[in-house]
Full PDB file with SEQRES, HELIX, SHEET, SSBOND, CRYST1, ORIGX, SCALE, CONECT and MASTER records, all heavy atoms in Angstrom:
SEQRES   1 A   34  LYS GLU ASN PRO ILE GLU LYS LEU LEU ASN LEU LEU PRO          
SEQRES   2 A   34  ALA GLU ILE ALA GLN LEU LYS ARG GLU GLU ILE GLU ALA          
SEQRES   3 A   34  ASP LEU LYS ALA ALA ASP LEU TRP                              
HELIX    1 AA1 PRO A    4  LEU A   11  1                                   8    
HELIX    2 AA2 ALA A   14  ALA A   30  1                                  17    
CRYST1    1.000    1.000    1.000  90.00  90.00  90.00 P 1           1          
ORIGX1      1.000000  0.000000  0.000000        0.00000                         
ORIGX2      0.000000  1.000000  0.000000        0.00000                         
ORIGX3      0.000000  0.000000  1.000000        0.00000                         
SCALE1      1.000000  0.000000  0.000000        0.00000                         
SCALE2      0.000000  1.000000  0.000000        0.00000                         
SCALE3      0.000000  0.000000  1.000000        0.00000                         
ATOM      1  N   LYS A   1      14.625 -11.497  -0.215  1.00  0.00           N  
ATOM      2  CA  LYS A   1      13.543 -11.384   0.762  1.00  0.00           C  
ATOM      3  C   LYS A   1      12.386 -10.552   0.231  1.00  0.00           C  
ATOM      4  O   LYS A   1      12.581  -9.544  -0.429  1.00  0.00           O  
ATOM      5  CB  LYS A   1      14.051 -10.735   2.046  1.00  0.00           C  
ATOM      6  CG  LYS A   1      15.033 -11.570   2.815  1.00  0.00           C  
ATOM      7  CD  LYS A   1      15.308 -10.988   4.169  1.00  0.00           C  
ATOM      8  CE  LYS A   1      16.188  -9.770   4.058  1.00  0.00           C  
ATOM      9  NZ  LYS A   1      16.557  -9.202   5.353  1.00  0.00           N  
ATOM     10  N   GLU A   2      11.167 -10.994   0.550  1.00  0.00           N  
ATOM     11  CA  GLU A   2       9.974 -10.245   0.179  1.00  0.00           C  
ATOM     12  C   GLU A   2       9.905  -8.974   1.021  1.00  0.00           C  
ATOM     13  O   GLU A   2      10.220  -8.980   2.211  1.00  0.00           O  
ATOM     14  CB  GLU A   2       8.729 -11.094   0.411  1.00  0.00           C  
ATOM     15  CG  GLU A   2       7.451 -10.422  -0.019  1.00  0.00           C  
ATOM     16  CD  GLU A   2       6.228 -11.309   0.159  1.00  0.00           C  
ATOM     17  OE1 GLU A   2       6.334 -12.354   0.827  1.00  0.00           O  
ATOM     18  OE2 GLU A   2       5.181 -10.941  -0.372  1.00  0.00           O  
ATOM     19  N   ASN A   3       9.496  -7.884   0.412  1.00  0.00           N  
ATOM     20  CA  ASN A   3       9.353  -6.626   1.110  1.00  0.00           C  
ATOM     21  C   ASN A   3       8.241  -6.747   2.153  1.00  0.00           C  
ATOM     22  O   ASN A   3       7.126  -7.165   1.823  1.00  0.00           O  
ATOM     23  CB  ASN A   3       9.033  -5.520   0.100  1.00  0.00           C  
ATOM     24  CG  ASN A   3       8.863  -4.186   0.757  1.00  0.00           C  
ATOM     25  OD1 ASN A   3       7.890  -3.951   1.458  1.00  0.00           O  
ATOM     26  ND2 ASN A   3       9.816  -3.307   0.514  1.00  0.00           N  
ATOM     27  N   PRO A   4       8.502  -6.394   3.424  1.00  0.00           N  
ATOM     28  CA  PRO A   4       7.496  -6.546   4.479  1.00  0.00           C  
ATOM     29  C   PRO A   4       6.216  -5.739   4.232  1.00  0.00           C  
ATOM     30  O   PRO A   4       5.128  -6.192   4.589  1.00  0.00           O  
ATOM     31  CB  PRO A   4       8.209  -6.057   5.740  1.00  0.00           C  
ATOM     32  CG  PRO A   4       9.657  -6.162   5.430  1.00  0.00           C  
ATOM     33  CD  PRO A   4       9.785  -5.955   3.959  1.00  0.00           C  
ATOM     34  N   ILE A   5       6.332  -4.566   3.641  1.00  0.00           N  
ATOM     35  CA  ILE A   5       5.141  -3.761   3.354  1.00  0.00           C  
ATOM     36  C   ILE A   5       4.283  -4.467   2.312  1.00  0.00           C  
ATOM     37  O   ILE A   5       3.068  -4.594   2.466  1.00  0.00           O  
ATOM     38  CB  ILE A   5       5.518  -2.341   2.890  1.00  0.00           C  
ATOM     39  CG1 ILE A   5       6.198  -1.581   4.035  1.00  0.00           C  
ATOM     40  CG2 ILE A   5       4.293  -1.585   2.388  1.00  0.00           C  
ATOM     41  CD1 ILE A   5       6.823  -0.265   3.625  1.00  0.00           C  
ATOM     42  N   GLU A   6       4.913  -4.935   1.260  1.00  0.00           N  
ATOM     43  CA  GLU A   6       4.185  -5.660   0.217  1.00  0.00           C  
ATOM     44  C   GLU A   6       3.614  -6.964   0.764  1.00  0.00           C  
ATOM     45  O   GLU A   6       2.502  -7.348   0.417  1.00  0.00           O  
ATOM     46  CB  GLU A   6       5.093  -5.926  -0.988  1.00  0.00           C  
ATOM     47  CG  GLU A   6       5.451  -4.685  -1.773  1.00  0.00           C  
ATOM     48  CD  GLU A   6       4.231  -3.994  -2.358  1.00  0.00           C  
ATOM     49  OE1 GLU A   6       3.377  -4.677  -2.955  1.00  0.00           O  
ATOM     50  OE2 GLU A   6       4.137  -2.762  -2.224  1.00  0.00           O  
ATOM     51  N   LYS A   7       4.375  -7.641   1.622  1.00  0.00           N  
ATOM     52  CA  LYS A   7       3.881  -8.878   2.220  1.00  0.00           C  
ATOM     53  C   LYS A   7       2.614  -8.611   3.029  1.00  0.00           C  
ATOM     54  O   LYS A   7       1.627  -9.337   2.908  1.00  0.00           O  
ATOM     55  CB  LYS A   7       4.953  -9.499   3.116  1.00  0.00           C  
ATOM     56  CG  LYS A   7       4.531 -10.801   3.742  1.00  0.00           C  
ATOM     57  CD  LYS A   7       5.654 -11.423   4.537  1.00  0.00           C  
ATOM     58  CE  LYS A   7       5.225 -12.760   5.107  1.00  0.00           C  
ATOM     59  NZ  LYS A   7       6.318 -13.433   5.792  1.00  0.00           N  
ATOM     60  N   LEU A   8       2.639  -7.554   3.832  1.00  0.00           N  
ATOM     61  CA  LEU A   8       1.470  -7.192   4.628  1.00  0.00           C  
ATOM     62  C   LEU A   8       0.274  -6.897   3.735  1.00  0.00           C  
ATOM     63  O   LEU A   8      -0.822  -7.422   3.947  1.00  0.00           O  
ATOM     64  CB  LEU A   8       1.785  -5.984   5.513  1.00  0.00           C  
ATOM     65  CG  LEU A   8       0.619  -5.352   6.269  1.00  0.00           C  
ATOM     66  CD1 LEU A   8      -0.112  -6.376   7.128  1.00  0.00           C  
ATOM     67  CD2 LEU A   8       1.102  -4.190   7.102  1.00  0.00           C  
ATOM     68  N   LEU A   9       0.476  -6.079   2.725  1.00  0.00           N  
ATOM     69  CA  LEU A   9      -0.625  -5.732   1.820  1.00  0.00           C  
ATOM     70  C   LEU A   9      -1.170  -6.965   1.104  1.00  0.00           C  
ATOM     71  O   LEU A   9      -2.384  -7.092   0.928  1.00  0.00           O  
ATOM     72  CB  LEU A   9      -0.174  -4.679   0.807  1.00  0.00           C  
ATOM     73  CG  LEU A   9       0.015  -3.277   1.384  1.00  0.00           C  
ATOM     74  CD1 LEU A   9       0.776  -2.398   0.404  1.00  0.00           C  
ATOM     75  CD2 LEU A   9      -1.314  -2.658   1.755  1.00  0.00           C  
ATOM     76  N   ASN A  10      -0.297  -7.873   0.722  1.00  0.00           N  
ATOM     77  CA  ASN A  10      -0.725  -9.089   0.024  1.00  0.00           C  
ATOM     78  C   ASN A  10      -1.512 -10.041   0.914  1.00  0.00           C  
ATOM     79  O   ASN A  10      -2.291 -10.853   0.412  1.00  0.00           O  
ATOM     80  CB  ASN A  10       0.476  -9.813  -0.577  1.00  0.00           C  
ATOM     81  CG  ASN A  10       1.072  -9.072  -1.749  1.00  0.00           C  
ATOM     82  OD1 ASN A  10       0.409  -8.272  -2.409  1.00  0.00           O  
ATOM     83  ND2 ASN A  10       2.348  -9.295  -2.004  1.00  0.00           N  
ATOM     84  N   LEU A  11      -1.329  -9.948   2.230  1.00  0.00           N  
ATOM     85  CA  LEU A  11      -2.033 -10.833   3.152  1.00  0.00           C  
ATOM     86  C   LEU A  11      -3.382 -10.274   3.612  1.00  0.00           C  
ATOM     87  O   LEU A  11      -4.188 -11.012   4.181  1.00  0.00           O  
ATOM     88  CB  LEU A  11      -1.154 -11.118   4.376  1.00  0.00           C  
ATOM     89  CG  LEU A  11       0.052 -12.011   4.110  1.00  0.00           C  
ATOM     90  CD1 LEU A  11       0.950 -12.063   5.328  1.00  0.00           C  
ATOM     91  CD2 LEU A  11      -0.389 -13.409   3.704  1.00  0.00           C  
ATOM     92  N   LEU A  12      -3.628  -9.006   3.364  1.00  0.00           N  
ATOM     93  CA  LEU A  12      -4.902  -8.405   3.745  1.00  0.00           C  
ATOM     94  C   LEU A  12      -6.007  -8.834   2.777  1.00  0.00           C  
ATOM     95  O   LEU A  12      -5.715  -9.209   1.639  1.00  0.00           O  
ATOM     96  CB  LEU A  12      -4.787  -6.879   3.733  1.00  0.00           C  
ATOM     97  CG  LEU A  12      -3.900  -6.254   4.795  1.00  0.00           C  
ATOM     98  CD1 LEU A  12      -3.792  -4.749   4.568  1.00  0.00           C  
ATOM     99  CD2 LEU A  12      -4.414  -6.551   6.186  1.00  0.00           C  
ATOM    100  N   PRO A  13      -7.261  -8.783   3.222  1.00  0.00           N  
ATOM    101  CA  PRO A  13      -8.356  -9.046   2.282  1.00  0.00           C  
ATOM    102  C   PRO A  13      -8.209  -8.133   1.063  1.00  0.00           C  
ATOM    103  O   PRO A  13      -7.807  -6.969   1.193  1.00  0.00           O  
ATOM    104  CB  PRO A  13      -9.603  -8.705   3.096  1.00  0.00           C  
ATOM    105  CG  PRO A  13      -9.183  -8.886   4.526  1.00  0.00           C  
ATOM    106  CD  PRO A  13      -7.742  -8.466   4.573  1.00  0.00           C  
ATOM    107  N   ALA A  14      -8.505  -8.639  -0.111  1.00  0.00           N  
ATOM    108  CA  ALA A  14      -8.246  -7.943  -1.376  1.00  0.00           C  
ATOM    109  C   ALA A  14      -8.808  -6.525  -1.424  1.00  0.00           C  
ATOM    110  O   ALA A  14      -8.106  -5.593  -1.853  1.00  0.00           O  
ATOM    111  CB  ALA A  14      -8.781  -8.760  -2.547  1.00  0.00           C  
ATOM    112  N   GLU A  15     -10.047  -6.345  -1.001  1.00  0.00           N  
ATOM    113  CA  GLU A  15     -10.651  -5.007  -1.065  1.00  0.00           C  
ATOM    114  C   GLU A  15      -9.933  -4.028  -0.141  1.00  0.00           C  
ATOM    115  O   GLU A  15      -9.710  -2.875  -0.502  1.00  0.00           O  
ATOM    116  CB  GLU A  15     -12.134  -5.070  -0.708  1.00  0.00           C  
ATOM    117  CG  GLU A  15     -12.981  -5.751  -1.764  1.00  0.00           C  
ATOM    118  CD  GLU A  15     -14.457  -5.824  -1.374  1.00  0.00           C  
ATOM    119  OE1 GLU A  15     -14.851  -5.224  -0.356  1.00  0.00           O  
ATOM    120  OE2 GLU A  15     -15.202  -6.494  -2.097  1.00  0.00           O  
ATOM    121  N   ILE A  16      -9.580  -4.486   1.041  1.00  0.00           N  
ATOM    122  CA  ILE A  16      -8.876  -3.635   1.998  1.00  0.00           C  
ATOM    123  C   ILE A  16      -7.486  -3.300   1.469  1.00  0.00           C  
ATOM    124  O   ILE A  16      -7.045  -2.157   1.537  1.00  0.00           O  
ATOM    125  CB  ILE A  16      -8.810  -4.305   3.384  1.00  0.00           C  
ATOM    126  CG1 ILE A  16     -10.209  -4.394   3.977  1.00  0.00           C  
ATOM    127  CG2 ILE A  16      -7.867  -3.557   4.314  1.00  0.00           C  
ATOM    128  CD1 ILE A  16     -10.307  -5.216   5.232  1.00  0.00           C  
ATOM    129  N   ALA A  17      -6.801  -4.300   0.933  1.00  0.00           N  
ATOM    130  CA  ALA A  17      -5.461  -4.077   0.391  1.00  0.00           C  
ATOM    131  C   ALA A  17      -5.494  -3.049  -0.733  1.00  0.00           C  
ATOM    132  O   ALA A  17      -4.643  -2.153  -0.793  1.00  0.00           O  
ATOM    133  CB  ALA A  17      -4.867  -5.389  -0.099  1.00  0.00           C  
ATOM    134  N   GLN A  18      -6.455  -3.157  -1.617  1.00  0.00           N  
ATOM    135  CA  GLN A  18      -6.567  -2.216  -2.728  1.00  0.00           C  
ATOM    136  C   GLN A  18      -6.816  -0.794  -2.210  1.00  0.00           C  
ATOM    137  O   GLN A  18      -6.187   0.161  -2.676  1.00  0.00           O  
ATOM    138  CB  GLN A  18      -7.682  -2.628  -3.691  1.00  0.00           C  
ATOM    139  CG  GLN A  18      -7.819  -1.731  -4.903  1.00  0.00           C  
ATOM    140  CD  GLN A  18      -6.551  -1.682  -5.745  1.00  0.00           C  
ATOM    141  OE1 GLN A  18      -5.831  -2.669  -5.886  1.00  0.00           O  
ATOM    142  NE2 GLN A  18      -6.256  -0.525  -6.303  1.00  0.00           N  
ATOM    143  N   LEU A  19      -7.709  -0.663  -1.242  1.00  0.00           N  
ATOM    144  CA  LEU A  19      -7.999   0.636  -0.650  1.00  0.00           C  
ATOM    145  C   LEU A  19      -6.746   1.214   0.013  1.00  0.00           C  
ATOM    146  O   LEU A  19      -6.425   2.393  -0.173  1.00  0.00           O  
ATOM    147  CB  LEU A  19      -9.132   0.523   0.371  1.00  0.00           C  
ATOM    148  CG  LEU A  19      -9.497   1.797   1.127  1.00  0.00           C  
ATOM    149  CD1 LEU A  19     -10.005   2.870   0.164  1.00  0.00           C  
ATOM    150  CD2 LEU A  19     -10.533   1.500   2.191  1.00  0.00           C  
ATOM    151  N   LYS A  20      -6.040   0.389   0.767  1.00  0.00           N  
ATOM    152  CA  LYS A  20      -4.806   0.831   1.438  1.00  0.00           C  
ATOM    153  C   LYS A  20      -3.768   1.286   0.410  1.00  0.00           C  
ATOM    154  O   LYS A  20      -3.116   2.313   0.590  1.00  0.00           O  
ATOM    155  CB  LYS A  20      -4.216  -0.274   2.315  1.00  0.00           C  
ATOM    156  CG  LYS A  20      -5.099  -0.713   3.445  1.00  0.00           C  
ATOM    157  CD  LYS A  20      -5.060   0.273   4.566  1.00  0.00           C  
ATOM    158  CE  LYS A  20      -5.866  -0.246   5.753  1.00  0.00           C  
ATOM    159  NZ  LYS A  20      -6.050   0.792   6.748  1.00  0.00           N  
ATOM    160  N   ARG A  21      -3.607   0.503  -0.661  1.00  0.00           N  
ATOM    161  CA  ARG A  21      -2.632   0.876  -1.709  1.00  0.00           C  
ATOM    162  C   ARG A  21      -2.986   2.241  -2.312  1.00  0.00           C  
ATOM    163  O   ARG A  21      -2.109   3.067  -2.542  1.00  0.00           O  
ATOM    164  CB  ARG A  21      -2.604  -0.186  -2.804  1.00  0.00           C  
ATOM    165  CG  ARG A  21      -1.934  -1.471  -2.412  1.00  0.00           C  
ATOM    166  CD  ARG A  21      -1.973  -2.477  -3.570  1.00  0.00           C  
ATOM    167  NE  ARG A  21      -1.672  -3.817  -3.152  1.00  0.00           N  
ATOM    168  CZ  ARG A  21      -0.455  -4.306  -2.926  1.00  0.00           C  
ATOM    169  NH1 ARG A  21       0.587  -3.528  -3.073  1.00  0.00           N  
ATOM    170  NH2 ARG A  21      -0.290  -5.553  -2.541  1.00  0.00           N  
ATOM    171  N   GLU A  22      -4.267   2.453  -2.582  1.00  0.00           N  
ATOM    172  CA  GLU A  22      -4.697   3.726  -3.169  1.00  0.00           C  
ATOM    173  C   GLU A  22      -4.467   4.887  -2.203  1.00  0.00           C  
ATOM    174  O   GLU A  22      -4.000   5.954  -2.608  1.00  0.00           O  
ATOM    175  CB  GLU A  22      -6.174   3.648  -3.568  1.00  0.00           C  
ATOM    176  CG  GLU A  22      -6.423   2.726  -4.744  1.00  0.00           C  
ATOM    177  CD  GLU A  22      -7.893   2.422  -4.986  1.00  0.00           C  
ATOM    178  OE1 GLU A  22      -8.766   2.960  -4.259  1.00  0.00           O  
ATOM    179  OE2 GLU A  22      -8.175   1.628  -5.910  1.00  0.00           O  
ATOM    180  N   GLU A  23      -4.793   4.681  -0.926  1.00  0.00           N  
ATOM    181  CA  GLU A  23      -4.590   5.726   0.070  1.00  0.00           C  
ATOM    182  C   GLU A  23      -3.109   6.044   0.235  1.00  0.00           C  
ATOM    183  O   GLU A  23      -2.718   7.217   0.303  1.00  0.00           O  
ATOM    184  CB  GLU A  23      -5.170   5.288   1.426  1.00  0.00           C  
ATOM    185  CG  GLU A  23      -6.668   5.186   1.451  1.00  0.00           C  
ATOM    186  CD  GLU A  23      -7.192   4.536   2.723  1.00  0.00           C  
ATOM    187  OE1 GLU A  23      -6.428   3.862   3.454  1.00  0.00           O  
ATOM    188  OE2 GLU A  23      -8.397   4.704   2.980  1.00  0.00           O  
ATOM    189  N   ILE A  24      -2.290   5.012   0.310  1.00  0.00           N  
ATOM    190  CA  ILE A  24      -0.846   5.201   0.461  1.00  0.00           C  
ATOM    191  C   ILE A  24      -0.278   5.927  -0.746  1.00  0.00           C  
ATOM    192  O   ILE A  24       0.506   6.873  -0.601  1.00  0.00           O  
ATOM    193  CB  ILE A  24      -0.142   3.843   0.682  1.00  0.00           C  
ATOM    194  CG1 ILE A  24      -0.494   3.297   2.070  1.00  0.00           C  
ATOM    195  CG2 ILE A  24       1.361   3.964   0.497  1.00  0.00           C  
ATOM    196  CD1 ILE A  24      -0.126   1.844   2.281  1.00  0.00           C  
ATOM    197  N   GLU A  25      -0.662   5.511  -1.937  1.00  0.00           N  
ATOM    198  CA  GLU A  25      -0.166   6.166  -3.147  1.00  0.00           C  
ATOM    199  C   GLU A  25      -0.548   7.648  -3.158  1.00  0.00           C  
ATOM    200  O   GLU A  25       0.288   8.510  -3.436  1.00  0.00           O  
ATOM    201  CB  GLU A  25      -0.693   5.482  -4.408  1.00  0.00           C  
ATOM    202  CG  GLU A  25      -0.165   6.111  -5.683  1.00  0.00           C  
ATOM    203  CD  GLU A  25      -0.597   5.395  -6.942  1.00  0.00           C  
ATOM    204  OE1 GLU A  25      -1.108   4.252  -6.858  1.00  0.00           O  
ATOM    205  OE2 GLU A  25      -0.426   5.975  -8.026  1.00  0.00           O  
ATOM    206  N   ALA A  26      -1.797   7.954  -2.837  1.00  0.00           N  
ATOM    207  CA  ALA A  26      -2.250   9.353  -2.819  1.00  0.00           C  
ATOM    208  C   ALA A  26      -1.463  10.171  -1.793  1.00  0.00           C  
ATOM    209  O   ALA A  26      -1.026  11.293  -2.082  1.00  0.00           O  
ATOM    210  CB  ALA A  26      -3.745   9.415  -2.528  1.00  0.00           C  
ATOM    211  N   ASP A  27      -1.280   9.603  -0.597  1.00  0.00           N  
ATOM    212  CA  ASP A  27      -0.533  10.320   0.449  1.00  0.00           C  
ATOM    213  C   ASP A  27       0.926  10.525   0.063  1.00  0.00           C  
ATOM    214  O   ASP A  27       1.489  11.597   0.281  1.00  0.00           O  
ATOM    215  CB  ASP A  27      -0.602   9.561   1.776  1.00  0.00           C  
ATOM    216  CG  ASP A  27      -1.965   9.623   2.439  1.00  0.00           C  
ATOM    217  OD1 ASP A  27      -2.849  10.373   1.954  1.00  0.00           O  
ATOM    218  OD2 ASP A  27      -2.156   8.915   3.447  1.00  0.00           O  
ATOM    219  N   LEU A  28       1.541   9.493  -0.503  1.00  0.00           N  
ATOM    220  CA  LEU A  28       2.942   9.606  -0.906  1.00  0.00           C  
ATOM    221  C   LEU A  28       3.111  10.618  -2.034  1.00  0.00           C  
ATOM    222  O   LEU A  28       4.077  11.390  -2.038  1.00  0.00           O  
ATOM    223  CB  LEU A  28       3.501   8.242  -1.322  1.00  0.00           C  
ATOM    224  CG  LEU A  28       3.704   7.231  -0.192  1.00  0.00           C  
ATOM    225  CD1 LEU A  28       4.052   5.865  -0.765  1.00  0.00           C  
ATOM    226  CD2 LEU A  28       4.780   7.696   0.781  1.00  0.00           C  
ATOM    227  N   LYS A  29       2.187  10.622  -2.966  1.00  0.00           N  
ATOM    228  CA  LYS A  29       2.258  11.607  -4.053  1.00  0.00           C  
ATOM    229  C   LYS A  29       2.081  13.020  -3.511  1.00  0.00           C  
ATOM    230  O   LYS A  29       2.792  13.935  -3.924  1.00  0.00           O  
ATOM    231  CB  LYS A  29       1.221  11.292  -5.129  1.00  0.00           C  
ATOM    232  CG  LYS A  29       1.625  10.124  -6.001  1.00  0.00           C  
ATOM    233  CD  LYS A  29       0.593   9.837  -7.081  1.00  0.00           C  
ATOM    234  CE  LYS A  29       1.082   8.718  -7.989  1.00  0.00           C  
ATOM    235  NZ  LYS A  29       0.092   8.372  -9.035  1.00  0.00           N  
ATOM    236  N   ALA A  30       1.141  13.197  -2.585  1.00  0.00           N  
ATOM    237  CA  ALA A  30       0.904  14.519  -1.994  1.00  0.00           C  
ATOM    238  C   ALA A  30       2.138  15.012  -1.234  1.00  0.00           C  
ATOM    239  O   ALA A  30       2.409  16.216  -1.207  1.00  0.00           O  
ATOM    240  CB  ALA A  30      -0.304  14.473  -1.060  1.00  0.00           C  
ATOM    241  N   ALA A  31       2.890  14.094  -0.653  1.00  0.00           N  
ATOM    242  CA  ALA A  31       4.100  14.449   0.093  1.00  0.00           C  
ATOM    243  C   ALA A  31       5.349  14.425  -0.785  1.00  0.00           C  
ATOM    244  O   ALA A  31       6.462  14.597  -0.290  1.00  0.00           O  
ATOM    245  CB  ALA A  31       4.275  13.491   1.267  1.00  0.00           C  
ATOM    246  N   ASP A  32       5.159  14.211  -2.085  1.00  0.00           N  
ATOM    247  CA  ASP A  32       6.261  14.122  -3.050  1.00  0.00           C  
ATOM    248  C   ASP A  32       7.253  13.004  -2.682  1.00  0.00           C  
ATOM    249  O   ASP A  32       8.459  13.137  -2.820  1.00  0.00           O  
ATOM    250  CB  ASP A  32       6.983  15.456  -3.183  1.00  0.00           C  
ATOM    251  CG  ASP A  32       7.798  15.547  -4.468  1.00  0.00           C  
ATOM    252  OD1 ASP A  32       7.425  14.884  -5.464  1.00  0.00           O  
ATOM    253  OD2 ASP A  32       8.815  16.275  -4.480  1.00  0.00           O  
ATOM    254  N   LEU A  33       6.703  11.862  -2.214  1.00  0.00           N  
ATOM    255  CA  LEU A  33       7.516  10.720  -1.817  1.00  0.00           C  
ATOM    256  C   LEU A  33       7.195   9.460  -2.618  1.00  0.00           C  
ATOM    257  O   LEU A  33       7.724   8.384  -2.324  1.00  0.00           O  
ATOM    258  CB  LEU A  33       7.324  10.435  -0.318  1.00  0.00           C  
ATOM    259  CG  LEU A  33       7.863  11.507   0.627  1.00  0.00           C  
ATOM    260  CD1 LEU A  33       7.352  11.271   2.043  1.00  0.00           C  
ATOM    261  CD2 LEU A  33       9.385  11.528   0.589  1.00  0.00           C  
ATOM    262  N   TRP A  34       6.337   9.587  -3.618  1.00  0.00           N  
ATOM    263  CA  TRP A  34       5.938   8.415  -4.389  1.00  0.00           C  
ATOM    264  C   TRP A  34       7.137   7.763  -5.087  1.00  0.00           C  
ATOM    265  O   TRP A  34       7.291   6.544  -5.069  1.00  0.00           O  
ATOM    266  CB  TRP A  34       4.857   8.770  -5.401  1.00  0.00           C  
ATOM    267  CG  TRP A  34       4.492   7.611  -6.288  1.00  0.00           C  
ATOM    268  CD1 TRP A  34       4.713   7.513  -7.629  1.00  0.00           C  
ATOM    269  CD2 TRP A  34       3.882   6.383  -5.901  1.00  0.00           C  
ATOM    270  NE1 TRP A  34       4.273   6.301  -8.097  1.00  0.00           N  
ATOM    271  CE2 TRP A  34       3.748   5.582  -7.046  1.00  0.00           C  
ATOM    272  CE3 TRP A  34       3.422   5.881  -4.692  1.00  0.00           C  
ATOM    273  CZ2 TRP A  34       3.189   4.314  -7.017  1.00  0.00           C  
ATOM    274  CZ3 TRP A  34       2.862   4.609  -4.664  1.00  0.00           C  
ATOM    275  CH2 TRP A  34       2.753   3.849  -5.831  1.00  0.00           C  
TER     276      TRP A  34                                                      
MASTER        0    0    0    2    0    0    0    6  275    1    0    3          
END                                                                             
């Protein structure tokens, strides 16, 4: 099964998806959850 989070990100407009990925990565790294 495809991961639902990845599926959601892949269905968003490309620019929005990229921005969301960057924001999520930064937040996860800041919380030591990356």
